[in-house]
PDB file of N, CA and C in Angstrom:
ATOM      1  N   MET A   1     184.007 369.072-113.947  1.00  0.00           N
ATOM      2  CA  MET A   1     183.635 368.212-115.045  1.00  0.00           C
ATOM      3  C   MET A   1     182.338 367.441-114.725  1.00  0.00           C
ATOM      4  N   HIS A   2     182.216 367.013-113.469  1.00  0.00           N
ATOM      5  CA  HIS A   2     181.026 366.271-113.085  1.00  0.00           C
ATOM      6  C   HIS A   2     179.767 367.132-113.237  1.00  0.00           C
ATOM      7  N   VAL A   3     179.888 368.405-112.917  1.00  0.00           N
ATOM      8  CA  VAL A   3     178.738 369.304-113.038  1.00  0.00           C
ATOM      9  C   VAL A   3     178.283 369.385-114.489  1.00  0.00           C
ATOM     10  N   LEU A   4     179.227 369.505-115.411  1.00  0.00           N
ATOM     11  CA  LEU A   4     178.868 369.564-116.836  1.00  0.00           C
ATOM     12  C   LEU A   4     178.218 368.265-117.302  1.00  0.00           C
ATOM     13  N   LEU A   5     178.702 367.150-116.795  1.00  0.00           N
ATOM     14  CA  LEU A   5     178.095 365.866-117.165  1.00  0.00           C
ATOM     15  C   LEU A   5     176.667 365.752-116.643  1.00  0.00           C
ATOM     16  N   VAL A   6     176.440 366.219-115.429  1.00  0.00           N
ATOM     17  CA  VAL A   6     175.096 366.140-114.857  1.00  0.00           C
ATOM     18  C   VAL A   6     174.153 367.090-115.593  1.00  0.00           C
ATOM     19  N   ILE A   7     174.623 368.286-115.924  1.00  0.00           N
ATOM     20  CA  ILE A   7     173.789 369.225-116.690  1.00  0.00           C
ATOM     21  C   ILE A   7     173.471 368.638-118.061  1.00  0.00           C
ATOM     22  N   THR A   8     174.470 368.038-118.706  1.00  0.00           N
ATOM     23  CA  THR A   8     174.244 367.402-120.002  1.00  0.00           C
ATOM     24  C   THR A   8     173.232 366.266-119.884  1.00  0.00           C
ATOM     25  N   ALA A   9     173.338 365.486-118.819  1.00  0.00           N
ATOM     26  CA  ALA A   9     172.365 364.416-118.597  1.00  0.00           C
ATOM     27  C   ALA A   9     170.969 364.990-118.408  1.00  0.00           C
ATOM     28  N   GLY A  10     170.868 366.118-117.714  1.00  0.00           N
ATOM     29  CA  GLY A  10     169.569 366.764-117.539  1.00  0.00           C
ATOM     30  C   GLY A  10     168.984 367.236-118.852  1.00  0.00           C
ATOM     31  N   LEU A  11     169.830 367.794-119.711  1.00  0.00           N
ATOM     32  CA  LEU A  11     169.344 368.247-121.014  1.00  0.00           C
ATOM     33  C   LEU A  11     168.922 367.072-121.890  1.00  0.00           C
ATOM     34  N   LEU A  12     169.669 365.984-121.804  1.00  0.00           N
ATOM     35  CA  LEU A  12     169.276 364.781-122.548  1.00  0.00           C
ATOM     36  C   LEU A  12     167.969 364.209-122.015  1.00  0.00           C
ATOM     37  N   LEU A  13     167.811 364.215-120.692  1.00  0.00           N
ATOM     38  CA  LEU A  13     166.552 363.742-120.106  1.00  0.00           C
ATOM     39  C   LEU A  13     165.392 364.637-120.532  1.00  0.00           C
ATOM     40  N   LEU A  14     165.618 365.938-120.587  1.00  0.00           N
ATOM     41  CA  LEU A  14     164.579 366.843-121.084  1.00  0.00           C
ATOM     42  C   LEU A  14     164.214 366.479-122.516  1.00  0.00           C
ATOM     43  N   GLY A  15     165.204 366.182-123.337  1.00  0.00           N
ATOM     44  CA  GLY A  15     164.924 365.762-124.708  1.00  0.00           C
ATOM     45  C   GLY A  15     164.085 364.501-124.763  1.00  0.00           C
ATOM     46  N   VAL A  16     164.369 363.558-123.881  1.00  0.00           N
ATOM     47  CA  VAL A  16     163.573 362.327-123.826  1.00  0.00           C
ATOM     48  C   VAL A  16     162.140 362.640-123.406  1.00  0.00           C
ATOM     49  N   PHE A  17     161.988 363.493-122.392  1.00  0.00           N
ATOM     50  CA  PHE A  17     160.649 363.889-121.951  1.00  0.00           C
ATOM     51  C   PHE A  17     159.888 364.553-123.103  1.00  0.00           C
ATOM     52  N   LEU A  18     160.545 365.467-123.808  1.00  0.00           N
ATOM     53  CA  LEU A  18     159.865 366.178-124.896  1.00  0.00           C
ATOM     54  C   LEU A  18     159.500 365.230-126.030  1.00  0.00           C
ATOM     55  N   LEU A  19     160.396 364.315-126.347  1.00  0.00           N
ATOM     56  CA  LEU A  19     160.102 363.339-127.397  1.00  0.00           C
ATOM     57  C   LEU A  19     158.924 362.452-127.008  1.00  0.00           C
ATOM     58  N   LEU A  20     158.933 361.984-125.775  1.00  0.00           N
ATOM     59  CA  LEU A  20     157.814 361.151-125.326  1.00  0.00           C
ATOM     60  C   LEU A  20     156.520 361.950-125.266  1.00  0.00           C
ATOM     61  N   GLY A  21     156.607 363.209-124.884  1.00  0.00           N
ATOM     62  CA  GLY A  21     155.413 364.054-124.876  1.00  0.00           C
ATOM     63  C   GLY A  21     154.867 364.264-126.271  1.00  0.00           C
ATOM     64  N   TRP A  22     155.755 364.432-127.227  1.00  0.00           N
ATOM     65  CA  TRP A  22     155.316 364.597-128.607  1.00  0.00           C
ATOM     66  C   TRP A  22     154.720 363.301-129.147  1.00  0.00           C
ATOM     67  N   LEU A  23     155.361 362.180-128.838  1.00  0.00           N
ATOM     68  CA  LEU A  23     154.839 360.898-129.312  1.00  0.00           C
ATOM     69  C   LEU A  23     153.523 360.539-128.632  1.00  0.00           C
ATOM     70  N   TRP A  24     153.391 360.890-127.371  1.00  0.00           N
ATOM     71  CA  TRP A  24     152.197 360.555-126.626  1.00  0.00           C
ATOM     72  C   TRP A  24     151.042 361.487-126.985  1.00  0.00           C
ATOM     73  N   GLY A  25     151.314 362.784-127.025  1.00  0.00           N
ATOM     74  CA  GLY A  25     150.247 363.742-127.278  1.00  0.00           C
ATOM     75  C   GLY A  25     150.120 364.145-128.726  1.00  0.00           C
ATOM     76  N   ALA A  26     151.195 363.983-129.492  1.00  0.00           N
ATOM     77  CA  ALA A  26     151.230 364.345-130.914  1.00  0.00           C
ATOM     78  C   ALA A  26     150.774 365.780-131.150  1.00  0.00           C
ATOM     79  N   SER A  27     151.054 366.658-130.184  1.00  0.00           N
ATOM     80  CA  SER A  27     150.701 368.059-130.347  1.00  0.00           C
ATOM     81  C   SER A  27     151.567 368.886-129.415  1.00  0.00           C
ATOM     82  N   ALA A  28     151.416 370.190-129.522  1.00  0.00           N
ATOM     83  CA  ALA A  28     152.166 371.090-128.650  1.00  0.00           C
ATOM     84  C   ALA A  28     151.731 370.919-127.195  1.00  0.00           C
ATOM     85  N   ALA A  29     150.485 370.553-126.977  1.00  0.00           N
ATOM     86  CA  ALA A  29     150.000 370.361-125.608  1.00  0.00           C
ATOM     87  C   ALA A  29     150.707 369.189-124.936  1.00  0.00           C
ATOM     88  N   GLY A  30     150.959 368.132-125.673  1.00  0.00           N
ATOM     89  CA  GLY A  30     151.679 366.987-125.119  1.00  0.00           C
ATOM     90  C   GLY A  30     153.110 367.327-124.780  1.00  0.00           C
ATOM     91  N   VAL A  31     153.746 368.120-125.638  1.00  0.00           N
ATOM     92  CA  VAL A  31     155.121 368.539-125.388  1.00  0.00           C
ATOM     93  C   VAL A  31     155.170 369.471-124.178  1.00  0.00           C
ATOM     94  N   ALA A  32     154.204 370.376-124.069  1.00  0.00           N
ATOM     95  CA  ALA A  32     154.164 371.292-122.927  1.00  0.00           C
ATOM     96  C   ALA A  32     153.951 370.521-121.626  1.00  0.00           C
ATOM     97  N   LEU A  33     153.088 369.532-121.656  1.00  0.00           N
ATOM     98  CA  LEU A  33     152.860 368.713-120.462  1.00  0.00           C
ATOM     99  C   LEU A  33     154.135 367.973-120.069  1.00  0.00           C
ATOM    100  N   ALA A  34     154.863 367.475-121.044  1.00  0.00           N
ATOM    101  CA  ALA A  34     156.117 366.775-120.769  1.00  0.00           C
ATOM    102  C   ALA A  34     157.157 367.732-120.182  1.00  0.00           C
ATOM    103  N   ALA A  35     157.222 368.956-120.692  1.00  0.00           N
ATOM    104  CA  ALA A  35     158.176 369.936-120.160  1.00  0.00           C
ATOM    105  C   ALA A  35     157.822 370.288-118.731  1.00  0.00           C
ATOM    106  N   ARG A  36     156.528 370.416-118.443  1.00  0.00           N
ATOM    107  CA  ARG A  36     156.105 370.701-117.063  1.00  0.00           C
ATOM    108  C   ARG A  36     156.407 369.521-116.144  1.00  0.00           C
ATOM    109  N   GLY A  37     156.260 368.319-116.643  1.00  0.00           N
ATOM    110  CA  GLY A  37     156.544 367.128-115.844  1.00  0.00           C
ATOM    111  C   GLY A  37     158.023 366.907-115.617  1.00  0.00           C
ATOM    112  N   PHE A  38     158.834 367.420-116.520  1.00  0.00           N
ATOM    113  CA  PHE A  38     160.280 367.271-116.389  1.00  0.00           C
ATOM    114  C   PHE A  38     160.817 368.009-115.173  1.00  0.00           C
ATOM    115  N   VAL A  39     160.293 369.185-114.891  1.00  0.00           N
ATOM    116  CA  VAL A  39     160.861 370.046-113.845  1.00  0.00           C
ATOM    117  C   VAL A  39     160.863 369.365-112.474  1.00  0.00           C
ATOM    118  N   PRO A  40     159.747 368.814-111.973  1.00  0.00           N
ATOM    119  CA  PRO A  40     159.832 368.146-110.667  1.00  0.00           C
ATOM    120  C   PRO A  40     160.689 366.878-110.694  1.00  0.00           C
ATOM    121  N   ALA A  41     160.663 366.172-111.811  1.00  0.00           N
ATOM    122  CA  ALA A  41     161.500 364.973-111.922  1.00  0.00           C
ATOM    123  C   ALA A  41     162.977 365.354-111.861  1.00  0.00           C
ATOM    124  N   TRP A  42     163.340 366.435-112.543  1.00  0.00           N
ATOM    125  CA  TRP A  42     164.732 366.873-112.540  1.00  0.00           C
ATOM    126  C   TRP A  42     165.131 367.421-111.170  1.00  0.00           C
ATOM    127  N   LEU A  43     164.220 368.090-110.483  1.00  0.00           N
ATOM    128  CA  LEU A  43     164.521 368.566-109.134  1.00  0.00           C
ATOM    129  C   LEU A  43     164.828 367.386-108.219  1.00  0.00           C
ATOM    130  N   LEU A  44     164.059 366.327-108.336  1.00  0.00           N
ATOM    131  CA  LEU A  44     164.302 365.130-107.539  1.00  0.00           C
ATOM    132  C   LEU A  44     165.672 364.523-107.858  1.00  0.00           C
ATOM    133  N   LEU A  45     165.986 364.401-109.139  1.00  0.00           N
ATOM    134  CA  LEU A  45     167.268 363.819-109.531  1.00  0.00           C
ATOM    135  C   LEU A  45     168.448 364.719-109.152  1.00  0.00           C
ATOM    136  N   ALA A  46     168.281 366.023-109.257  1.00  0.00           N
ATOM    137  CA  ALA A  46     169.344 366.934-108.832  1.00  0.00           C
ATOM    138  C   ALA A  46     169.542 366.845-107.323  1.00  0.00           C
ATOM    139  N   GLY A  47     168.457 366.673-106.583  1.00  0.00           N
ATOM    140  CA  GLY A  47     168.561 366.477-105.139  1.00  0.00           C
ATOM    141  C   GLY A  47     169.288 365.188-104.786  1.00  0.00           C
ATOM    142  N   VAL A  48     169.036 364.137-105.552  1.00  0.00           N
ATOM    143  CA  VAL A  48     169.763 362.880-105.348  1.00  0.00           C
ATOM    144  C   VAL A  48     171.246 363.093-105.634  1.00  0.00           C
ATOM    145  N   ASN A  49     171.573 363.845-106.670  1.00  0.00           N
ATOM    146  CA  ASN A  49     172.968 364.155-106.968  1.00  0.00           C
ATOM    147  C   ASN A  49     173.618 364.899-105.800  1.00  0.00           C
ATOM    148  N   MET A  50     172.882 365.836-105.205  1.00  0.00           N
ATOM    149  CA  MET A  50     173.410 366.559-104.051  1.00  0.00           C
ATOM    150  C   MET A  50     173.604 365.615-102.870  1.00  0.00           C
ATOM    151  N   TRP A  51     172.634 364.747-102.625  1.00  0.00           N
ATOM    152  CA  TRP A  51     172.739 363.797-101.525  1.00  0.00           C
ATOM    153  C   TRP A  51     173.972 362.909-101.688  1.00  0.00           C
ATOM    154  N   VAL A  52     174.223 362.448-102.910  1.00  0.00           N
ATOM    155  CA  VAL A  52     175.402 361.616-103.164  1.00  0.00           C
ATOM    156  C   VAL A  52     176.673 362.419-102.888  1.00  0.00           C
ATOM    157  N   GLY A  53     176.698 363.674-103.294  1.00  0.00           N
ATOM    158  CA  GLY A  53     177.861 364.510-103.032  1.00  0.00           C
ATOM    159  C   GLY A  53     178.109 364.721-101.551  1.00  0.00           C
ATOM    160  N   VAL A  54     177.041 364.837-100.783  1.00  0.00           N
ATOM    161  CA  VAL A  54     177.190 365.058 -99.342  1.00  0.00           C
ATOM    162  C   VAL A  54     177.536 363.750 -98.625  1.00  0.00           C
ATOM    163  N   GLN A  55     176.823 362.682 -98.945  1.00  0.00           N
ATOM    164  CA  GLN A  55     177.003 361.425 -98.222  1.00  0.00           C
ATOM    165  C   GLN A  55     178.252 360.654 -98.622  1.00  0.00           C
ATOM    166  N   HIS A  56     178.539 360.613 -99.912  1.00  0.00           N
ATOM    167  CA  HIS A  56     179.604 359.727-100.380  1.00  0.00           C
ATOM    168  C   HIS A  56     180.876 360.457-100.808  1.00  0.00           C
ATOM    169  N   ALA A  57     180.752 361.669-101.271  1.00  0.00           N
ATOM    170  CA  ALA A  57     181.945 362.392-101.722  1.00  0.00           C
ATOM    171  C   ALA A  57     182.541 363.252-100.615  1.00  0.00           C
ATOM    172  N   GLY A  58     181.806 363.427 -99.526  1.00  0.00           N
ATOM    173  CA  GLY A  58     182.350 364.143 -98.392  1.00  0.00           C
ATOM    174  C   GLY A  58     182.210 365.654 -98.441  1.00  0.00           C
ATOM    175  N   TYR A  59     181.404 366.171 -99.345  1.00  0.00           N
ATOM    176  CA  TYR A  59     181.181 367.612 -99.396  1.00  0.00           C
ATOM    177  C   TYR A  59     180.134 367.994 -98.363  1.00  0.00           C
ATOM    178  N   GLY A  60     180.177 369.253 -97.930  1.00  0.00           N
ATOM    179  CA  GLY A  60     179.168 369.760 -97.017  1.00  0.00           C
ATOM    180  C   GLY A  60     177.961 370.264 -97.785  1.00  0.00           C
ATOM    181  N   VAL A  61     176.856 370.407 -97.081  1.00  0.00           N
ATOM    182  CA  VAL A  61     175.631 370.911 -97.702  1.00  0.00           C
ATOM    183  C   VAL A  61     175.857 372.330 -98.230  1.00  0.00           C
ATOM    184  N   ARG A  62     176.607 373.137 -97.489  1.00  0.00           N
ATOM    185  CA  ARG A  62     176.887 374.511 -97.932  1.00  0.00           C
ATOM    186  C   ARG A  62     177.709 374.526 -99.213  1.00  0.00           C
ATOM    187  N   GLU A  63     178.550 373.528 -99.421  1.00  0.00           N
ATOM    188  CA  GLU A  63     179.329 373.442-100.654  1.00  0.00           C
ATOM    189  C   GLU A  63     178.485 372.936-101.819  1.00  0.00           C
ATOM    190  N   GLU A  64     177.576 372.043-101.523  1.00  0.00           N
ATOM    191  CA  GLU A  64     176.774 371.408-102.570  1.00  0.00           C
ATOM    192  C   GLU A  64     175.547 372.219-102.981  1.00  0.00           C
ATOM    193  N   ALA A  65     175.057 373.100-102.118  1.00  0.00           N
ATOM    194  CA  ALA A  65     173.838 373.859-102.425  1.00  0.00           C
ATOM    195  C   ALA A  65     173.969 374.705-103.697  1.00  0.00           C
ATOM    196  N   PRO A  66     175.068 375.455-103.901  1.00  0.00           N
ATOM    197  CA  PRO A  66     175.177 376.204-105.163  1.00  0.00           C
ATOM    198  C   PRO A  66     175.266 375.295-106.383  1.00  0.00           C
ATOM    199  N   ILE A  67     175.882 374.131-106.206  1.00  0.00           N
ATOM    200  CA  ILE A  67     175.973 373.170-107.306  1.00  0.00           C
ATOM    201  C   ILE A  67     174.581 372.641-107.631  1.00  0.00           C
ATOM    202  N   LEU A  68     173.786 372.354-106.599  1.00  0.00           N
ATOM    203  CA  LEU A  68     172.407 371.917-106.811  1.00  0.00           C
ATOM    204  C   LEU A  68     171.637 372.963-107.607  1.00  0.00           C
ATOM    205  N   LEU A  69     171.791 374.219-107.226  1.00  0.00           N
ATOM    206  CA  LEU A  69     171.091 375.293-107.918  1.00  0.00           C
ATOM    207  C   LEU A  69     171.495 375.361-109.388  1.00  0.00           C
ATOM    208  N   LEU A  70     172.783 375.272-109.659  1.00  0.00           N
ATOM    209  CA  LEU A  70     173.261 375.327-111.041  1.00  0.00           C
ATOM    210  C   LEU A  70     172.795 374.126-111.848  1.00  0.00           C
ATOM    211  N   VAL A  71     172.952 372.943-111.260  1.00  0.00           N
ATOM    212  CA  VAL A  71     172.582 371.704-111.955  1.00  0.00           C
ATOM    213  C   VAL A  71     171.090 371.668-112.251  1.00  0.00           C
ATOM    214  N   PHE A  72     170.276 372.180-111.329  1.00  0.00           N
ATOM    215  CA  PHE A  72     168.839 372.201-111.554  1.00  0.00           C
ATOM    216  C   PHE A  72     168.431 373.314-112.510  1.00  0.00           C
ATOM    217  N   ALA A  73     169.036 374.488-112.354  1.00  0.00           N
ATOM    218  CA  ALA A  73     168.555 375.677-113.061  1.00  0.00           C
ATOM    219  C   ALA A  73     168.762 375.618-114.571  1.00  0.00           C
ATOM    220  N   VAL A  74     169.865 375.089-115.031  1.00  0.00           N
ATOM    221  CA  VAL A  74     170.134 375.119-116.473  1.00  0.00           C
ATOM    222  C   VAL A  74     169.104 374.299-117.255  1.00  0.00           C
ATOM    223  N   PRO A  75     168.906 373.004-116.958  1.00  0.00           N
ATOM    224  CA  PRO A  75     167.871 372.263-117.695  1.00  0.00           C
ATOM    225  C   PRO A  75     166.455 372.794-117.442  1.00  0.00           C
ATOM    226  N   ALA A  76     166.186 373.263-116.223  1.00  0.00           N
ATOM    227  CA  ALA A  76     164.855 373.813-115.945  1.00  0.00           C
ATOM    228  C   ALA A  76     164.620 375.088-116.744  1.00  0.00           C
ATOM    229  N   ALA A  77     165.658 375.900-116.932  1.00  0.00           N
ATOM    230  CA  ALA A  77     165.520 377.114-117.737  1.00  0.00           C
ATOM    231  C   ALA A  77     165.271 376.762-119.203  1.00  0.00           C
ATOM    232  N   VAL A  78     165.921 375.723-119.686  1.00  0.00           N
ATOM    233  CA  VAL A  78     165.661 375.285-121.059  1.00  0.00           C
ATOM    234  C   VAL A  78     164.225 374.786-121.186  1.00  0.00           C
ATOM    235  N   ALA A  79     163.741 374.048-120.183  1.00  0.00           N
ATOM    236  CA  ALA A  79     162.339 373.593-120.195  1.00  0.00           C
ATOM    237  C   ALA A  79     161.396 374.787-120.177  1.00  0.00           C
ATOM    238  N   ALA A  80     161.714 375.815-119.390  1.00  0.00           N
ATOM    239  CA  ALA A  80     160.887 377.026-119.370  1.00  0.00           C
ATOM    240  C   ALA A  80     160.924 377.728-120.723  1.00  0.00           C
ATOM    241  N   GLY A  81     162.076 377.718-121.374  1.00  0.00           N
ATOM    242  CA  GLY A  81     162.169 378.296-122.715  1.00  0.00           C
ATOM    243  C   GLY A  81     161.319 377.544-123.722  1.00  0.00           C
ATOM    244  N   VAL A  82     161.281 376.232-123.606  1.00  0.00           N
ATOM    245  CA  VAL A  82     160.432 375.427-124.486  1.00  0.00           C
ATOM    246  C   VAL A  82     158.970 375.769-124.249  1.00  0.00           C
ATOM    247  N   LEU A  83     158.582 375.886-122.973  1.00  0.00           N
ATOM    248  CA  LEU A  83     157.194 376.259-122.664  1.00  0.00           C
ATOM    249  C   LEU A  83     156.861 377.642-123.208  1.00  0.00           C
ATOM    250  N   TRP A  84     157.781 378.573-123.071  1.00  0.00           N
ATOM    251  CA  TRP A  84     157.560 379.931-123.605  1.00  0.00           C
ATOM    252  C   TRP A  84     157.417 379.887-125.119  1.00  0.00           C
ATOM    253  N   TRP A  85     158.280 379.115-125.781  1.00  0.00           N
ATOM    254  CA  TRP A  85     158.242 379.027-127.243  1.00  0.00           C
ATOM    255  C   TRP A  85     156.927 378.387-127.700  1.00  0.00           C
ATOM    256  N   LEU A  86     156.469 377.364-126.975  1.00  0.00           N
ATOM    257  CA  LEU A  86     155.201 376.729-127.335  1.00  0.00           C
ATOM    258  C   LEU A  86     154.014 377.657-127.109  1.00  0.00           C
ATOM    259  N   SER A  87     154.101 378.511-126.108  1.00  0.00           N
ATOM    260  CA  SER A  87     152.982 379.428-125.846  1.00  0.00           C
ATOM    261  C   SER A  87     152.876 380.508-126.909  1.00  0.00           C
ATOM    262  N   ARG A  88     153.956 380.791-127.600  1.00  0.00           N
ATOM    263  CA  ARG A  88     153.945 381.799-128.651  1.00  0.00           C
ATOM    264  C   ARG A  88     153.310 381.288-129.933  1.00  0.00           C
ATOM    265  N   SER A  89     153.341 379.971-130.136  1.00  0.00           N
ATOM    266  CA  SER A  89     152.809 379.445-131.397  1.00  0.00           C
ATOM    267  C   SER A  89     151.387 378.981-131.285  1.00  0.00           C
TER     268      SER A  89
END
């Protein structure tokens, strides 16, 4: 359940990034820049989630690494899809 909540939070954060990119740039270029900026920010936050799982929840790094990959990959793939969709228009 926690994994789904973190992925949902990542998707919501991507939405915030895209909205701010649209408001700031008022064009597809601003939204694309926001999507590109989201990926490293989300990697950092997913890494913090992994660190919390290892340090405070008692999981090992080997147990948390696949979770990190899943938690990072889903919102990052959606961001990549947004970039692909913007490049088509």
